[in-house]
C-alpha atoms as a PDB file:
ATOM      1  CA  MET A   1      58.836  98.793 142.832  1.00  0.00           C
ATOM      2  CA  ILE A   2      61.114 101.811 142.470  1.00  0.00           C
ATOM      3  CA  PHE A   3      63.671  99.631 140.691  1.00  0.00           C
ATOM      4  CA  LEU A   4      61.062  98.491 138.171  1.00  0.00           C
ATOM      5  CA  LEU A   5      59.978 102.075 137.550  1.00  0.00           C
ATOM      6  CA  LEU A   6      63.597 103.115 136.980  1.00  0.00           C
ATOM      7  CA  ARG A   7      64.093 100.252 134.521  1.00  0.00           C
ATOM      8  CA  LEU A   8      60.908 101.241 132.686  1.00  0.00           C
ATOM      9  CA  LEU A   9      62.029 104.865 132.541  1.00  0.00           C
ATOM     10  CA  ALA A  10      65.478 103.885 131.324  1.00  0.00           C
ATOM     11  CA  GLY A  11      63.912 101.729 128.604  1.00  0.00           C
ATOM     12  CA  LEU A  12      61.734 104.602 127.432  1.00  0.00           C
ATOM     13  CA  VAL A  13      64.732 106.950 127.318  1.00  0.00           C
ATOM     14  CA  ARG A  14      66.823 104.423 125.352  1.00  0.00           C
ATOM     15  CA  SER A  15      63.961 103.856 122.939  1.00  0.00           C
ATOM     16  CA  ARG A  16      63.542 107.606 122.423  1.00  0.00           C
ATOM     17  CA  LEU A  17      67.285 108.150 121.916  1.00  0.00           C
ATOM     18  CA  SER A  18      67.439 105.265 119.457  1.00  0.00           C
ATOM     19  CA  LEU A  19      64.548 106.742 117.451  1.00  0.00           C
ATOM     20  CA  VAL A  20      66.138 110.218 117.392  1.00  0.00           C
ATOM     21  CA  ALA A  21      69.516 108.780 116.369  1.00  0.00           C
ATOM     22  CA  GLU A  22      67.977 106.643 113.621  1.00  0.00           C
ATOM     23  CA  ASN A  23      66.075 109.629 112.215  1.00  0.00           C
ATOM     24  CA  GLU A  24      69.269 111.684 112.209  1.00  0.00           C
ATOM     25  CA  MET A  25      71.166 108.909 110.417  1.00  0.00           C
ATOM     26  CA  LEU A  26      68.430 108.768 107.768  1.00  0.00           C
ATOM     27  CA  ARG A  27      68.609 112.556 107.423  1.00  0.00           C
ATOM     28  CA  GLN A  28      72.363 112.351 106.836  1.00  0.00           C
ATOM     29  CA  GLN A  29      71.769 109.737 104.148  1.00  0.00           C
ATOM     30  CA  LEU A  30      69.243 112.002 102.426  1.00  0.00           C
ATOM     31  CA  VAL A  31      71.693 114.919 102.549  1.00  0.00           C
ATOM     32  CA  ALA A  32      74.399 112.738 100.982  1.00  0.00           C
ATOM     33  CA  ALA A  33      72.002 111.437  98.295  1.00  0.00           C
ATOM     34  CA  LYS A  34      70.901 114.994  97.453  1.00  0.00           C
ATOM     35  CA  CYS A  35      74.530 116.094  97.033  1.00  0.00           C
ATOM     36  CA  ARG A  36      75.209 113.176  94.681  1.00  0.00           C
ATOM     37  CA  LEU A  37      72.108 113.928  92.593  1.00  0.00           C
ATOM     38  CA  GLN A  38      73.262 117.547  92.266  1.00  0.00           C
ATOM     39  CA  GLY A  39      76.716 116.407  91.226  1.00  0.00           C
ATOM     40  CA  LYS A  40      78.306 117.812  94.385  1.00  0.00           C
ATOM     41  CA  ARG A  41      80.895 116.166  96.579  1.00  0.00           C
ATOM     42  CA  VAL A  42      79.702 114.759  99.886  1.00  0.00           C
ATOM     43  CA  ARG A  43      81.756 116.332 102.662  1.00  0.00           C
ATOM     44  CA  PHE A  44      81.634 115.367 106.320  1.00  0.00           C
ATOM     45  CA  SER A  45      83.605 117.281 108.912  1.00  0.00           C
ATOM     46  CA  THR A  46      85.457 115.546 111.732  1.00  0.00           C
ATOM     47  CA  THR A  47      82.701 116.571 114.153  1.00  0.00           C
ATOM     48  CA  GLN A  48      79.994 115.184 111.853  1.00  0.00           C
ATOM     49  CA  ARG A  49      81.848 111.874 111.566  1.00  0.00           C
ATOM     50  CA  TRP A  50      82.106 111.677 115.354  1.00  0.00           C
ATOM     51  CA  LEU A  51      78.397 112.395 115.783  1.00  0.00           C
ATOM     52  CA  ILE A  52      77.375 109.915 113.080  1.00  0.00           C
ATOM     53  CA  GLY A  53      79.491 107.219 114.667  1.00  0.00           C
ATOM     54  CA  HIS A  54      77.996 107.726 118.121  1.00  0.00           C
ATOM     55  CA  MET A  55      74.491 107.839 116.669  1.00  0.00           C
ATOM     56  CA  ALA A  56      75.246 104.525 114.975  1.00  0.00           C
ATOM     57  CA  ILE A  57      76.054 103.048 118.376  1.00  0.00           C
ATOM     58  CA  THR A  58      72.837 104.436 119.894  1.00  0.00           C
ATOM     59  CA  ALA A  59      70.482 103.355 117.107  1.00  0.00           C
ATOM     60  CA  THR A  60      69.737  99.622 117.268  1.00  0.00           C
ATOM     61  CA  ALA A  61      69.273  99.377 113.518  1.00  0.00           C
ATOM     62  CA  TRP A  62      72.683 100.974 112.885  1.00  0.00           C
ATOM     63  CA  ARG A  63      74.888  98.917 115.221  1.00  0.00           C
ATOM     64  CA  THR A  64      76.836  97.581 112.235  1.00  0.00           C
ATOM     65  CA  ALA A  65      78.069 101.122 111.546  1.00  0.00           C
ATOM     66  CA  VAL A  66      80.220 101.165 114.694  1.00  0.00           C
ATOM     67  CA  ALA A  67      83.209 100.931 112.325  1.00  0.00           C
ATOM     68  CA  LEU A  68      82.682 104.624 111.593  1.00  0.00           C
ATOM     69  CA  VAL A  69      84.367 105.541 114.874  1.00  0.00           C
ATOM     70  CA  ARG A  70      86.856 102.662 115.029  1.00  0.00           C
ATOM     71  CA  PRO A  71      90.383 103.808 114.103  1.00  0.00           C
ATOM     72  CA  LEU A  72      91.794 102.416 110.870  1.00  0.00           C
ATOM     73  CA  PHE A  73      95.450 102.404 109.883  1.00  0.00           C
ATOM     74  CA  VAL A  74      96.969 102.626 106.408  1.00  0.00           C
ATOM     75  CA  LEU A  75     100.470 101.462 105.519  1.00  0.00           C
ATOM     76  CA  PHE A  76     101.862 102.573 102.164  1.00  0.00           C
ATOM     77  CA  PHE A  77     105.141 102.553 100.262  1.00  0.00           C
ATOM     78  CA  ILE A  78     106.022 105.401  97.902  1.00  0.00           C
ATOM     79  CA  ASP A  79     108.800 105.488  95.299  1.00  0.00           C
ATOM     80  CA  LEU A  80     110.301 108.963  95.599  1.00  0.00           C
ATOM     81  CA  LYS A  81     111.775 108.929  92.105  1.00  0.00           C
ATOM     82  CA  ARG A  82     108.394 108.845  90.346  1.00  0.00           C
ATOM     83  CA  ARG A  83     106.050 109.571  93.321  1.00  0.00           C
ATOM     84  CA  LYS A  84     104.506 106.174  92.649  1.00  0.00           C
ATOM     85  CA  ILE A  85     102.533 104.409  95.362  1.00  0.00           C
ATOM     86  CA  VAL A  86     103.981 100.916  95.255  1.00  0.00           C
ATOM     87  CA  HIS A  87     101.682  99.276  97.791  1.00  0.00           C
ATOM     88  CA  ALA A  88      99.031 100.217 100.341  1.00  0.00           C
ATOM     89  CA  ALA A  89      96.897  98.298 102.798  1.00  0.00           C
ATOM     90  CA  ALA A  90      94.526  99.019 105.677  1.00  0.00           C
ATOM     91  CA  THR A  91      93.869  97.309 108.987  1.00  0.00           C
ATOM     92  CA  THR A  92      92.307  97.910 112.395  1.00  0.00           C
ATOM     93  CA  VAL A  93      95.141  96.204 114.296  1.00  0.00           C
ATOM     94  CA  PRO A  94      98.559  97.161 112.924  1.00  0.00           C
ATOM     95  CA  THR A  95     101.409  95.062 114.304  1.00  0.00           C
ATOM     96  CA  ASP A  96     105.038  94.511 113.402  1.00  0.00           C
ATOM     97  CA  ASP A  97     104.119  91.129 111.904  1.00  0.00           C
ATOM     98  CA  TRP A  98     101.319  92.627 109.785  1.00  0.00           C
ATOM     99  CA  CYS A  99     103.574  95.419 108.511  1.00  0.00           C
ATOM    100  CA  ALA A 100     106.293  92.870 107.708  1.00  0.00           C
ATOM    101  CA  GLN A 101     103.756  90.825 105.735  1.00  0.00           C
ATOM    102  CA  GLN A 102     102.783  93.925 103.750  1.00  0.00           C
ATOM    103  CA  ALA A 103     106.468  94.603 103.042  1.00  0.00           C
ATOM    104  CA  ARG A 104     106.809  91.077 101.641  1.00  0.00           C
ATOM    105  CA  GLY A 105     103.756  91.609  99.447  1.00  0.00           C
ATOM    106  CA  ALA A 106     104.881  94.967  98.062  1.00  0.00           C
ATOM    107  CA  THR A 107     105.859  94.602  94.407  1.00  0.00           C
ATOM    108  CA  MET A 108     108.706  96.991  93.618  1.00  0.00           C
ATOM    109  CA  ASP A 109     110.293  97.610  90.223  1.00  0.00           C
ATOM    110  CA  ASP A 110     113.741  97.844  91.803  1.00  0.00           C
ATOM    111  CA  GLN A 111     115.026  96.872  95.208  1.00  0.00           C
ATOM    112  CA  PRO A 112     115.302 100.092  97.238  1.00  0.00           C
ATOM    113  CA  GLU A 113     118.693 101.199  98.483  1.00  0.00           C
ATOM    114  CA  LEU A 114     117.184 103.308 101.254  1.00  0.00           C
ATOM    115  CA  LEU A 115     113.933 103.113 103.195  1.00  0.00           C
ATOM    116  CA  VAL A 116     112.827 106.141 105.212  1.00  0.00           C
ATOM    117  CA  THR A 117     110.201 105.196 107.763  1.00  0.00           C
ATOM    118  CA  ALA A 118     108.594 106.514 110.921  1.00  0.00           C
ATOM    119  CA  ARG A 119     109.929 105.780 114.381  1.00  0.00           C
ATOM    120  CA  ASP A 120     106.974 103.627 115.343  1.00  0.00           C
ATOM    121  CA  GLY A 121     106.766 100.348 117.194  1.00  0.00           C
ATOM    122  CA  LYS A 122     104.401  99.016 114.548  1.00  0.00           C
ATOM    123  CA  LEU A 123     107.268  99.273 112.045  1.00  0.00           C
ATOM    124  CA  GLY A 124     109.574  97.225 114.220  1.00  0.00           C
ATOM    125  CA  VAL A 125     112.375  94.698 113.911  1.00  0.00           C
ATOM    126  CA  ARG A 126     110.564  92.230 111.641  1.00  0.00           C
ATOM    127  CA  PHE A 127     109.440  94.992 109.303  1.00  0.00           C
ATOM    128  CA  ALA A 128     112.946  96.438 109.002  1.00  0.00           C
ATOM    129  CA  ALA A 129     114.482  92.977 108.545  1.00  0.00           C
ATOM    130  CA  ILE A 130     112.527  92.455 105.308  1.00  0.00           C
ATOM    131  CA  PHE A 131     114.339  95.377 103.664  1.00  0.00           C
ATOM    132  CA  GLU A 132     117.682  94.861 105.368  1.00  0.00           C
ATOM    133  CA  SER A 133     117.772  91.300 104.005  1.00  0.00           C
ATOM    134  CA  THR A 134     117.863  92.775 100.476  1.00  0.00           C
ATOM    135  CA  GLY A 135     120.685  95.177 101.324  1.00  0.00           C
ATOM    136  CA  ALA A 136     118.534  98.278 101.858  1.00  0.00           C
ATOM    137  CA  LYS A 137     119.397 100.732 104.612  1.00  0.00           C
ATOM    138  CA  VAL A 138     116.520 101.545 106.966  1.00  0.00           C
ATOM    139  CA  VAL A 139     116.519 105.133 108.257  1.00  0.00           C
ATOM    140  CA  ARG A 140     114.008 106.135 110.913  1.00  0.00           C
ATOM    141  CA  SER A 141     112.828 109.731 111.174  1.00  0.00           C
ATOM    142  CA  ALA A 142     113.349 111.636 114.393  1.00  0.00           C
ATOM    143  CA  VAL A 143     110.508 112.118 116.856  1.00  0.00           C
ATOM    144  CA  ARG A 144     107.960 114.756 115.787  1.00  0.00           C
ATOM    145  CA  THR A 145     109.855 115.752 112.637  1.00  0.00           C
ATOM    146  CA  PRO A 146     107.461 115.066 109.729  1.00  0.00           C
ATOM    147  CA  ASN A 147     109.673 117.046 107.336  1.00  0.00           C
ATOM    148  CA  MET A 148     112.164 114.184 107.432  1.00  0.00           C
ATOM    149  CA  ASN A 149     109.604 112.174 105.459  1.00  0.00           C
ATOM    150  CA  ALA A 150     107.933 115.048 103.636  1.00  0.00           C
ATOM    151  CA  PHE A 151     106.900 113.107 100.515  1.00  0.00           C
ATOM    152  CA  ALA A 152     105.011 110.561 102.577  1.00  0.00           C
ATOM    153  CA  GLU A 153     103.379 113.321 104.642  1.00  0.00           C
ATOM    154  CA  ARG A 154     102.289 115.028 101.415  1.00  0.00           C
ATOM    155  CA  PHE A 155     100.616 111.838 100.219  1.00  0.00           C
ATOM    156  CA  VAL A 156      98.833 111.499 103.571  1.00  0.00           C
ATOM    157  CA  GLY A 157      97.406 115.001 103.078  1.00  0.00           C
ATOM    158  CA  THR A 158      96.381 114.191  99.515  1.00  0.00           C
ATOM    159  CA  LEU A 159      94.700 110.975 100.635  1.00  0.00           C
ATOM    160  CA  ARG A 160      92.730 112.832 103.279  1.00  0.00           C
ATOM    161  CA  ARG A 161      91.639 115.729 101.062  1.00  0.00           C
ATOM    162  CA  GLU A 162      90.861 113.774  97.899  1.00  0.00           C
ATOM    163  CA  LEU A 163      89.427 110.565  99.338  1.00  0.00           C
ATOM    164  CA  LEU A 164      88.855 110.204 103.088  1.00  0.00           C
ATOM    165  CA  ASP A 165      87.187 113.605 103.576  1.00  0.00           C
ATOM    166  CA  GLN A 166      84.731 112.773 100.784  1.00  0.00           C
ATOM    167  CA  VAL A 167      83.416 109.372 101.874  1.00  0.00           C
ATOM    168  CA  LEU A 168      82.198 107.462 104.930  1.00  0.00           C
ATOM    169  CA  VAL A 169      84.458 104.462 105.474  1.00  0.00           C
ATOM    170  CA  LEU A 170      82.589 101.408 106.785  1.00  0.00           C
ATOM    171  CA  GLY A 171      85.537  99.203 107.721  1.00  0.00           C
ATOM    172  CA  ASP A 172      89.007  98.026 106.768  1.00  0.00           C
ATOM    173  CA  GLU A 173      87.799  95.978 103.790  1.00  0.00           C
ATOM    174  CA  HIS A 174      85.826  98.946 102.470  1.00  0.00           C
ATOM    175  CA  LEU A 175      88.839 101.213 102.961  1.00  0.00           C
ATOM    176  CA  GLY A 176      91.018  98.675 101.164  1.00  0.00           C
ATOM    177  CA  ARG A 177      88.771  98.810  98.097  1.00  0.00           C
ATOM    178  CA  LEU A 178      88.723 102.605  98.170  1.00  0.00           C
ATOM    179  CA  LEU A 179      92.516 102.719  98.455  1.00  0.00           C
ATOM    180  CA  ALA A 180      92.980 100.325  95.535  1.00  0.00           C
ATOM    181  CA  ALA A 181      90.801 102.453  93.238  1.00  0.00           C
ATOM    182  CA  PHE A 182      92.340 105.744  94.386  1.00  0.00           C
ATOM    183  CA  ILE A 183      95.915 104.502  93.969  1.00  0.00           C
ATOM    184  CA  VAL A 184      95.221 103.448  90.382  1.00  0.00           C
ATOM    185  CA  PHE A 185      93.955 106.980  89.765  1.00  0.00           C
ATOM    186  CA  TYR A 186      96.897 108.502  91.668  1.00  0.00           C
ATOM    187  CA  ASN A 187      99.508 106.505  89.740  1.00  0.00           C
ATOM    188  CA  GLU A 188      97.982 106.500  86.275  1.00  0.00           C
ATOM    189  CA  ALA A 189      95.870 109.641  85.882  1.00  0.00           C
ATOM    190  CA  ARG A 190      96.662 112.319  88.465  1.00  0.00           C
ATOM    191  CA  PRO A 191      99.402 114.797  87.357  1.00  0.00           C
ATOM    192  CA  HIS A 192     102.176 115.698  89.809  1.00  0.00           C
ATOM    193  CA  GLN A 193     104.027 119.006  89.927  1.00  0.00           C
ATOM    194  CA  GLY A 194     107.232 117.373  91.143  1.00  0.00           C
ATOM    195  CA  ILE A 195     107.557 115.369  87.923  1.00  0.00           C
ATOM    196  CA  SER A 196     106.547 118.107  85.450  1.00  0.00           C
ATOM    197  CA  GLN A 197     102.779 117.435  85.563  1.00  0.00           C
ATOM    198  CA  GLN A 198     103.266 113.818  84.501  1.00  0.00           C
ATOM    199  CA  GLN A 199     101.804 110.705  86.041  1.00  0.00           C
ATOM    200  CA  PRO A 200     103.900 108.398  88.258  1.00  0.00           C
ATOM    201  CA  ILE A 201     103.278 105.655  85.712  1.00  0.00           C
ATOM    202  CA  PRO A 202     104.013 107.591  82.493  1.00  0.00           C
ATOM    203  CA  ARG A 203     101.805 107.215  79.463  1.00  0.00           C
ATOM    204  CA  ALA A 204     102.429 108.340  75.923  1.00  0.00           C
ATOM    205  CA  PRO A 205     100.743 111.617  74.886  1.00  0.00           C
ATOM    206  CA  GLN A 206      97.570 111.229  72.827  1.00  0.00           C
ATOM    207  CA  LEU A 207      97.074 113.909  70.174  1.00  0.00           C
ATOM    208  CA  ALA A 208      94.134 112.566  68.187  1.00  0.00           C
ATOM    209  CA  GLY A 209      90.628 111.642  69.230  1.00  0.00           C
ATOM    210  CA  ARG A 210      87.911 113.132  71.348  1.00  0.00           C
ATOM    211  CA  VAL A 211      88.595 113.582  75.051  1.00  0.00           C
ATOM    212  CA  LEU A 212      86.415 111.290  77.143  1.00  0.00           C
ATOM    213  CA  PRO A 213      86.017 111.363  80.935  1.00  0.00           C
ATOM    214  CA  ARG A 214      86.242 108.091  82.828  1.00  0.00           C
ATOM    215  CA  PRO A 215      84.695 108.286  86.335  1.00  0.00           C
ATOM    216  CA  ILE A 216      86.781 107.055  89.252  1.00  0.00           C
ATOM    217  CA  LEU A 217      85.209 106.097  92.592  1.00  0.00           C
ATOM    218  CA  ASN A 218      81.663 106.703  91.296  1.00  0.00           C
ATOM    219  CA  GLY A 219      82.543 110.134  89.913  1.00  0.00           C
ATOM    220  CA  LEU A 220      84.565 111.460  92.846  1.00  0.00           C
ATOM    221  CA  HIS A 221      87.431 111.901  90.356  1.00  0.00           C
ATOM    222  CA  HIS A 222      87.784 111.553  86.600  1.00  0.00           C
ATOM    223  CA  ASP A 223      90.472 110.263  84.271  1.00  0.00           C
ATOM    224  CA  TYR A 224      90.454 112.123  80.935  1.00  0.00           C
ATOM    225  CA  ARG A 225      91.763 110.254  77.908  1.00  0.00           C
ATOM    226  CA  ARG A 226      91.460 110.419  74.157  1.00  0.00           C
ATOM    227  CA  ALA A 227      88.812 108.196  72.600  1.00  0.00           C
ATOM    228  CA  ALA A 228      91.329 105.783  71.049  1.00  0.00           C
ATOM    229  CA  ALA A 229      93.271 105.447  74.318  1.00  0.00           C
ATOM    230  CA  ALA A 230      90.074 105.041  76.346  1.00  0.00           C
ATOM    231  CA  ALA A 231      88.908 102.265  74.021  1.00  0.00           C
ATOM    232  CA  CYS A 232      92.216 100.419  74.454  1.00  0.00           C
ATOM    233  CA  GLY A 233      92.298 100.906  78.254  1.00  0.00           C
END
């Protein structure tokens, strides 16, 4: 009898917690929708992301949002000469084999002479062998010395500030689509101080025509081009 009462009580508590969590998730959606209607960026702090993820686990109707608290990993290759992102991909389970496959799929204008990479087991023997087979030298940074790969660390910061801090990522496929759109913007539209405010993929200056904004990632960023160039692109 006591056991049945405890089960009944536990069921009532779970039901109540699920209702509270679902209401809070709906409130967060309304806050995000209001920001978008006002033309403001939607910003979620690390604590808010953690809370939303755990509420998604609690609320029965939001179980599919468990990906909000599942760690995702991004592998990218950057050409230091032009600051161009050559390739990027996301996964939930990074392995040496997966990283090696991404290295094979990376399309590079020229074969690199030197690859600077982190000292990480995920970027192991198979990953390094892909580049060493083309004659490139693989140099691994020392432990806890991010300045040895400062350009990559700078891109990580840019990716966080200009993309990941502004959206809720719902999984590796969703993150992959976001990365693809952001990298096009990063390579073709975003100016870089290190290359005299040019884009990694240079484009000829446009002097005639009205300037038109082209929204990127549903208006999170904009690419501004002359009317003639925008019509051609």
